Protein backbone atom coordinates (compact mmCIF):
# COMPACT_ATOMS: atom_id res chain seq x y z
CA MET A 1 -13.61 -25.25 1.66
CA LYS A 2 -10.51 -24.94 0.01
CA LEU A 3 -7.11 -25.22 2.08
CA ALA A 4 -4.39 -22.61 1.81
CA TYR A 5 -1.28 -20.93 2.91
CA LEU A 6 -1.00 -17.39 3.60
CA TYR A 7 2.44 -15.21 3.09
CA PRO A 8 3.14 -13.67 5.82
CA VAL A 9 2.15 -15.09 8.98
CA THR A 10 4.97 -14.65 11.33
CA ALA A 11 6.02 -14.27 15.29
CA ARG A 12 7.11 -10.75 13.90
CA TYR A 13 3.49 -10.11 12.41
CA ASN A 14 1.69 -11.06 15.05
CA SER A 15 3.92 -9.50 17.96
CA GLU A 16 4.17 -5.69 16.73
CA ILE A 17 1.83 -3.26 15.17
CA THR A 18 0.27 -5.29 12.10
CA ASN A 19 -0.86 -4.26 8.91
CA PRO A 20 -4.59 -4.61 9.05
CA TYR A 21 -4.33 -5.21 5.42
CA LEU A 22 -3.88 -9.07 5.60
CA ASP A 23 -6.77 -9.17 8.63
CA ASN A 24 -8.91 -7.88 6.25
CA PHE A 25 -7.73 -10.22 3.22
CA GLN A 26 -8.08 -13.47 5.19
CA GLU A 27 -11.58 -12.32 7.21
CA SER A 28 -12.86 -11.41 3.86
CA LEU A 29 -12.27 -14.81 2.05
CA LYS A 30 -13.03 -16.94 5.33
CA GLU A 31 -16.25 -18.81 4.07
CA LYS A 32 -14.63 -20.21 1.09
CA ILE A 33 -10.74 -20.34 1.87
CA LEU A 34 -9.20 -22.37 5.33
CA PHE A 35 -5.50 -20.67 5.76
CA LEU A 36 -3.90 -23.47 7.76
CA ASN A 37 -1.24 -21.48 9.15
CA LEU A 38 -3.06 -18.12 10.39
CA SER A 39 -2.79 -19.14 14.19
CA LYS A 40 0.89 -20.56 13.99
CA PRO A 41 2.80 -17.93 13.19
CA SER A 42 6.32 -18.59 11.35
CA LYS A 43 10.15 -17.99 12.39
CA LEU A 44 11.72 -19.14 9.08
CA GLY A 45 9.19 -17.22 7.07
CA ILE A 46 8.46 -18.54 3.80
CA ILE A 47 10.19 -21.93 4.53
CA ASP A 48 7.47 -22.53 7.24
CA LEU A 49 5.62 -23.49 3.60
CA THR A 50 7.47 -27.13 4.00
CA LYS A 51 4.57 -27.92 6.71
CA TYR A 52 1.73 -27.36 4.39
CA TYR A 53 2.67 -27.44 0.62
CA PHE A 54 1.26 -30.94 0.24
CA LYS A 55 -2.06 -29.90 2.10
CA VAL A 56 -2.91 -26.75 -0.05
CA LYS A 57 -4.11 -25.97 -3.04
CA TYR A 58 -3.51 -22.34 -2.68
CA ILE A 59 -0.62 -20.19 -1.74
CA PHE A 60 -1.45 -16.51 -1.24
CA LEU A 61 1.43 -14.31 -1.02
CA HIS A 62 1.79 -10.83 -0.17
CA TRP A 63 5.18 -8.64 -0.53
CA PRO A 64 7.16 -11.45 -1.01
CA GLU A 65 9.40 -9.36 -3.16
CA ASN A 66 10.82 -7.97 0.13
CA ILE A 67 12.27 -11.30 1.62
CA PRO A 68 15.86 -10.92 0.56
CA ASP A 69 15.61 -8.39 3.70
CA ARG A 70 14.46 -10.89 5.70
CA LYS A 71 16.42 -13.33 8.10
CA TYR A 72 18.05 -15.86 6.09
CA GLY A 73 16.84 -13.85 3.17
CA LEU A 74 18.98 -15.63 0.49
CA PHE A 75 17.77 -19.10 1.61
CA GLN A 76 14.21 -17.90 1.62
CA SER A 77 14.67 -16.71 -1.74
CA ILE A 78 16.18 -19.39 -3.15
CA PHE A 79 13.43 -21.55 -1.54
CA LEU A 80 10.39 -19.20 -2.78
CA LEU A 81 12.12 -19.48 -6.54
CA LEU A 82 12.08 -23.25 -6.43
CA ILE A 83 8.51 -23.15 -4.90
CA LEU A 84 7.35 -21.04 -8.03
CA TRP A 85 9.30 -23.25 -10.60
CA SER A 86 7.75 -26.37 -9.31
CA SER A 87 4.16 -24.98 -8.88
CA SER A 88 2.38 -26.60 -11.90
CA VAL A 89 4.37 -29.64 -11.38
CA PHE A 90 2.43 -30.38 -8.24
CA SER A 91 -0.73 -28.39 -9.01
CA LYS A 92 -0.74 -25.62 -6.68
CA LYS A 93 -2.08 -22.19 -7.49
CA ILE A 94 0.09 -19.39 -6.53
CA ILE A 95 -1.72 -16.35 -5.99
CA TRP A 96 0.50 -13.31 -5.73
CA THR A 97 -0.89 -9.69 -4.74
CA MET A 98 1.43 -7.23 -6.58
CA HIS A 99 1.64 -4.14 -4.12
CA ASN A 100 4.28 -2.52 -5.34
CA ARG A 101 7.04 -2.21 -8.23
CA VAL A 102 9.53 -4.13 -6.93
CA SER A 103 10.24 -3.07 -3.68
CA ASN A 104 10.35 0.00 -1.46
CA ALA A 105 13.52 -0.97 0.27
CA PRO A 106 16.24 0.00 -1.80
CA ILE A 107 18.75 -2.67 -0.37
CA ASN A 108 18.97 -6.31 -1.79
CA LEU A 109 17.32 -5.03 -5.09
CA PHE A 110 19.03 -7.31 -7.47
CA LEU A 111 18.16 -10.59 -5.79
CA LYS A 112 14.13 -8.46 -5.41
CA LYS A 113 13.84 -7.85 -9.09
CA ILE A 114 14.90 -11.95 -9.74
CA LEU A 115 11.97 -12.83 -7.61
CA PHE A 116 10.06 -9.71 -8.89
CA LYS A 117 10.33 -11.17 -12.43
CA ASN A 118 9.64 -14.59 -11.41
CA LEU A 119 6.57 -13.95 -9.35
CA VAL A 120 5.46 -12.42 -12.70
CA ARG A 121 6.38 -15.31 -14.89
CA PHE A 122 5.44 -18.08 -12.55
CA SER A 123 2.41 -17.25 -10.46
CA SER A 124 -0.56 -18.53 -11.29
CA GLN A 125 -2.56 -15.60 -10.86
CA ILE A 126 -1.86 -11.93 -10.08
CA ILE A 127 -3.77 -9.38 -8.21
CA THR A 128 -2.85 -5.99 -8.31
CA HIS A 129 -4.76 -2.52 -6.98
CA ALA A 130 -3.33 -0.17 -9.85
CA SER A 131 -3.97 -0.57 -13.42
CA GLU A 132 -0.28 -0.03 -13.66
CA GLY A 133 0.26 -3.16 -12.44
CA LYS A 134 -0.84 -5.12 -14.99
CA LYS A 135 1.29 -2.83 -17.39
CA ILE A 136 4.26 -3.82 -15.39
CA ALA A 137 3.52 -7.43 -15.93
CA SER A 138 3.00 -7.03 -19.28
CA GLU A 139 6.25 -5.65 -19.64
CA ILE A 140 8.16 -8.39 -18.02
CA SER A 141 6.09 -11.09 -19.71
CA THR A 142 3.43 -10.62 -22.36
CA ARG A 143 1.41 -13.51 -21.59
CA SER A 144 1.20 -12.69 -18.03
CA ALA A 145 -1.15 -9.51 -18.69
CA LYS A 146 -3.92 -12.41 -18.93
CA LYS A 147 -3.27 -13.60 -15.71
CA VAL A 148 -3.63 -10.28 -13.83
CA LEU A 149 -6.72 -9.11 -11.83
CA VAL A 150 -6.83 -5.12 -11.36
CA ILE A 151 -9.11 -4.25 -8.11
CA PRO A 152 -9.08 -0.90 -6.25
CA HIS A 153 -7.58 -1.32 -3.19
CA PRO A 154 -10.72 -2.32 -0.66
CA VAL A 155 -11.96 -0.43 2.40
CA LYS A 156 -13.02 -1.54 5.70
CA GLU A 157 -15.61 1.20 6.30
CA GLN A 158 -16.68 4.73 5.49
CA THR A 159 -15.59 6.93 8.13
CA PRO A 160 -16.47 10.73 7.17
CA ILE A 161 -15.00 13.20 9.02
CA PRO A 162 -16.63 15.90 11.11
CA ASP A 163 -16.84 19.46 10.18
CA SER A 164 -14.58 21.55 11.58
CA GLU A 165 -12.61 24.73 11.70
CA LYS A 166 -9.54 24.17 9.14
CA LYS A 167 -6.12 25.00 11.16
CA ILE A 168 -3.80 22.59 9.10
CA ASP A 169 -3.22 23.31 5.38
CA ILE A 170 -1.63 20.05 5.23
CA LEU A 171 -1.53 17.18 6.88
CA ILE A 172 0.91 13.84 5.91
CA TRP A 173 -0.05 10.86 8.15
CA GLY A 174 1.02 7.49 8.68
CA THR A 175 4.57 5.80 9.48
CA VAL A 176 7.09 7.90 8.11
CA VAL A 177 9.65 6.36 6.01
CA GLU A 178 12.09 7.11 3.01
CA TYR A 179 10.24 6.20 0.30
CA LYS A 180 7.17 8.36 1.47
CA GLY A 181 9.51 11.27 0.73
CA VAL A 182 8.83 13.42 3.48
CA ASP A 183 11.94 14.18 3.90
CA LYS A 184 12.38 15.67 0.01
CA PHE A 185 9.39 17.36 0.08
CA LEU A 186 10.37 19.50 3.42
CA GLU A 187 13.77 20.10 1.43
CA TYR A 188 11.99 21.77 -1.56
CA LEU A 189 10.40 23.82 0.35
CA HIS A 190 13.32 24.91 2.04
CA SER A 191 15.11 25.31 -1.18
CA SER A 192 12.26 27.25 -3.02
CA GLY A 193 11.67 29.45 -0.03
CA ASN A 194 8.08 28.23 0.77
CA VAL A 195 9.06 27.03 4.30
CA GLY A 196 6.93 29.05 6.23
CA LYS A 197 3.89 29.36 3.45
CA TYR A 198 1.70 26.75 4.81
CA THR A 199 0.55 25.01 7.84
CA ILE A 200 2.02 21.63 7.66
CA LEU A 201 1.47 18.60 10.27
CA ILE A 202 3.24 15.51 9.89
CA ALA A 203 1.46 12.61 12.42
CA GLY A 204 3.50 9.26 12.17
CA LYS A 205 6.04 7.21 13.67
CA VAL A 206 9.63 7.78 12.04
CA LEU A 207 10.84 3.85 11.87
CA ASN A 208 14.31 4.96 11.50
CA GLU A 209 16.37 7.19 14.05
CA SER A 210 18.82 8.74 11.72
CA TYR A 211 15.55 9.62 9.35
CA PHE A 212 13.91 11.03 12.61
CA LEU A 213 17.21 13.58 12.99
CA LYS A 214 16.95 14.19 9.35
CA ILE A 215 13.36 15.05 9.23
CA LYS A 216 13.92 16.91 12.87
CA GLY A 217 16.35 19.15 11.26
CA LEU A 218 13.54 20.38 8.52
CA LEU A 219 10.62 21.25 10.87
CA GLY A 220 10.01 24.74 11.49
CA GLU A 221 7.77 27.25 13.22
CA LYS A 222 4.86 26.17 10.82
CA ILE A 223 6.30 22.58 9.86
CA THR A 224 5.22 20.13 13.20
CA LEU A 225 5.56 16.45 13.65
CA ILE A 226 3.57 13.92 16.09
CA ASN A 227 6.31 11.38 16.09
CA GLU A 228 4.37 8.59 17.36
CA TYR A 229 1.41 5.88 16.03
CA LEU A 230 -2.01 7.34 16.57
CA GLU A 231 -5.05 5.97 16.82
CA LYS A 232 -7.73 6.22 14.46
CA GLU A 233 -10.20 8.59 16.44
CA LYS A 234 -6.94 10.93 16.74
CA LEU A 235 -6.32 10.82 13.06
CA ILE A 236 -9.95 11.35 12.18
CA GLU A 237 -9.78 14.35 14.36
CA LEU A 238 -6.63 15.42 12.55
CA ALA A 239 -8.12 15.17 9.08
CA SER A 240 -11.01 17.38 9.99
CA PHE A 241 -9.07 19.79 10.75
CA SER A 242 -6.76 19.70 7.57
CA ARG A 243 -7.38 21.13 4.21
CA ILE A 244 -5.35 18.93 2.32
CA ILE A 245 -4.29 15.16 2.94
CA LEU A 246 -0.57 14.86 1.07
CA PHE A 247 1.01 11.82 0.10
CA PRO A 248 4.86 13.47 -1.00
CA TYR A 249 5.55 9.75 -2.15
CA ILE A 250 9.07 8.80 -4.08
CA LYS A 251 7.31 7.99 -7.48
CA LYS A 252 9.52 4.86 -8.23
CA GLY A 253 8.50 2.26 -5.57
CA VAL A 254 4.78 3.20 -5.16
CA LEU A 255 2.00 0.94 -6.37
CA SER A 256 -1.08 1.48 -4.15
CA SER A 257 -1.73 2.56 -0.37
CA GLY A 258 -3.63 1.68 2.35
CA VAL A 259 -3.16 5.00 3.86
CA LEU A 260 -4.62 6.34 0.35
CA MET A 261 -7.77 4.53 1.03
CA ASP A 262 -8.50 5.49 4.41
CA SER A 263 -8.08 9.21 3.66
CA LEU A 264 -10.59 8.38 0.96
CA THR A 265 -13.10 7.06 3.20
CA TRP A 266 -12.94 10.26 5.09
CA LYS A 267 -14.23 11.86 2.02
CA SER A 268 -10.91 14.38 2.38
CA ILE A 269 -9.15 16.51 -0.39
CA ILE A 270 -5.87 14.14 -1.36
CA LEU A 271 -3.03 15.09 -3.43
CA GLY A 272 -0.62 12.31 -4.24
CA PRO A 273 1.43 11.62 -7.14
CA ASP A 274 0.48 10.99 -10.80
CA ILE A 275 1.62 7.06 -10.53
CA GLY A 276 -0.22 3.72 -9.87
CA ALA A 277 -3.61 3.86 -7.74
CA PHE A 278 -3.37 7.60 -7.41
CA ARG A 279 -3.25 7.91 -11.16
CA ASP A 280 -6.66 5.61 -11.18
CA LEU A 281 -8.16 7.56 -8.11
CA ALA A 282 -7.56 11.00 -10.14
CA ASN A 283 -8.90 9.44 -13.34
CA GLU A 284 -11.97 9.05 -11.23
CA ASN A 285 -12.39 12.31 -10.21
CA LEU A 286 -11.89 11.45 -6.51
CA ILE A 287 -8.32 12.96 -5.60
CA PHE A 288 -5.71 15.43 -7.28
CA THR A 289 -2.13 14.43 -8.38
CA TYR A 290 0.86 16.18 -9.39
CA SER A 291 4.11 15.40 -11.45
CA ASP A 292 6.45 17.31 -9.79
CA PHE A 293 6.91 19.61 -6.44
CA ASP A 294 6.68 22.49 -8.37
CA SER A 295 3.18 21.26 -9.48
CA LEU A 296 2.42 20.09 -6.44
CA LEU A 297 2.71 23.39 -4.91
CA GLN A 298 0.68 24.68 -7.92
CA GLN A 299 -2.12 22.16 -6.88
CA VAL A 300 -2.25 22.88 -3.32
CA SER A 301 -2.95 26.82 -4.40
CA LYS A 302 -5.75 25.82 -6.57
CA ILE A 303 -7.43 23.70 -3.49
CA LEU A 304 -6.76 26.57 -0.93
CA GLN A 305 -8.21 28.73 -3.24
CA GLY A 306 -11.00 26.58 -3.65
CA THR A 307 -10.76 26.16 -7.50
CA LEU A 308 -10.27 22.35 -7.31
CA LEU A 309 -13.14 20.78 -5.51
CA ILE A 310 -14.38 16.94 -5.65
CA ASN A 311 -18.00 16.08 -5.48
CA PRO A 312 -18.69 14.22 -2.47
CA LEU A 313 -21.25 12.00 -4.43
CA LYS A 314 -18.29 10.34 -6.36
CA PHE A 315 -16.82 9.31 -2.79
CA ASP A 316 -20.06 7.50 -1.75
CA ASP A 317 -20.35 5.40 -5.52
CA PHE A 318 -16.81 4.19 -5.09
CA LEU A 319 -16.71 3.64 -1.70
CA LYS A 320 -19.59 1.50 -1.97
CA GLU A 321 -18.53 -0.46 -4.76
CA ASN A 322 -15.16 -1.08 -3.14
CA THR A 323 -15.49 -2.99 0.15
CA TRP A 324 -13.83 -6.04 1.28
CA GLU A 325 -16.96 -7.75 0.87
CA LYS A 326 -17.32 -7.24 -2.81
CA TYR A 327 -13.50 -7.46 -3.15
CA SER A 328 -13.61 -11.36 -1.98
CA GLU A 329 -16.40 -11.98 -4.65
CA LYS A 330 -14.21 -10.57 -7.17
CA VAL A 331 -11.30 -12.55 -6.05
CA LEU A 332 -12.94 -15.81 -5.52
CA THR A 333 -14.69 -15.44 -8.95
CA PHE A 334 -10.77 -14.95 -10.57
CA ILE A 335 -9.61 -17.97 -9.11
CA GLY A 336 -12.55 -19.98 -9.70
CA GLU A 337 -14.03 -20.67 -6.10
CA LYS A 338 -17.31 -18.42 -6.43
């Protein structure tokens, strides 16, 4: 059993609605990796690592590029840079999962870019859920490409949806934040004269009040919003009523998406931007992609007309090969613990 530190495990992470990714991540590795800080949430972010640094062999990082946005973000960022620069001296292996290009939040970008480049250069190994992540790493440092493992975002379970009457043309689900581009898509529908053409449901909590007011102003008779966190059973029900699950994401930030993978387990017809994991899945003939909002509507029309279809057997093969159990086997082999 190898000792490790997992970031982030904070008081905020444990007290609010959590990202299930971290729970699944540590659970999948627990047979070989013991995360010392799991039951001791930090109030100081990454600085909490000082308690464990000389005990652990591995430091697993998720979304560290967002540290500048946290409390004492500058000090935490400097601390992380020192950890990265000194890791080889103290024989620490830093395993960074590259979830995004830099950050989905547009603030503190200068410092985030510094962190991102140093994470690429000084992490011992890098895991990414999109082949584009390897390309990004190699553009920053040609030597870094050799230490990148590309694994599709794993799935928890297969949850095929019931066959129901389709009442919704387009379902957009998940927390509603700026980088997901919901407002841009709705503005496009208004400006292009397509606002009443499709029945659209947005199902998810809008995290910012001003953004909520903006979205609210773009709703209409056939465009509705359920502004709340929904249980999985309700989301599956909504998906069963929907012809298309749409991801109108703004391209520049996204590499992979847990919401995308959940939708894939429902064996829904999915449409997303031609980037990152969306592009990878489109190349596997599992989803459809678009290059801009004009092509998005062209794809929507083809799907609704039944001229774009997915072979259900493709879903089965992909989902069987991308469980959390198989993910952990690949990761442990990658870091030399299998």
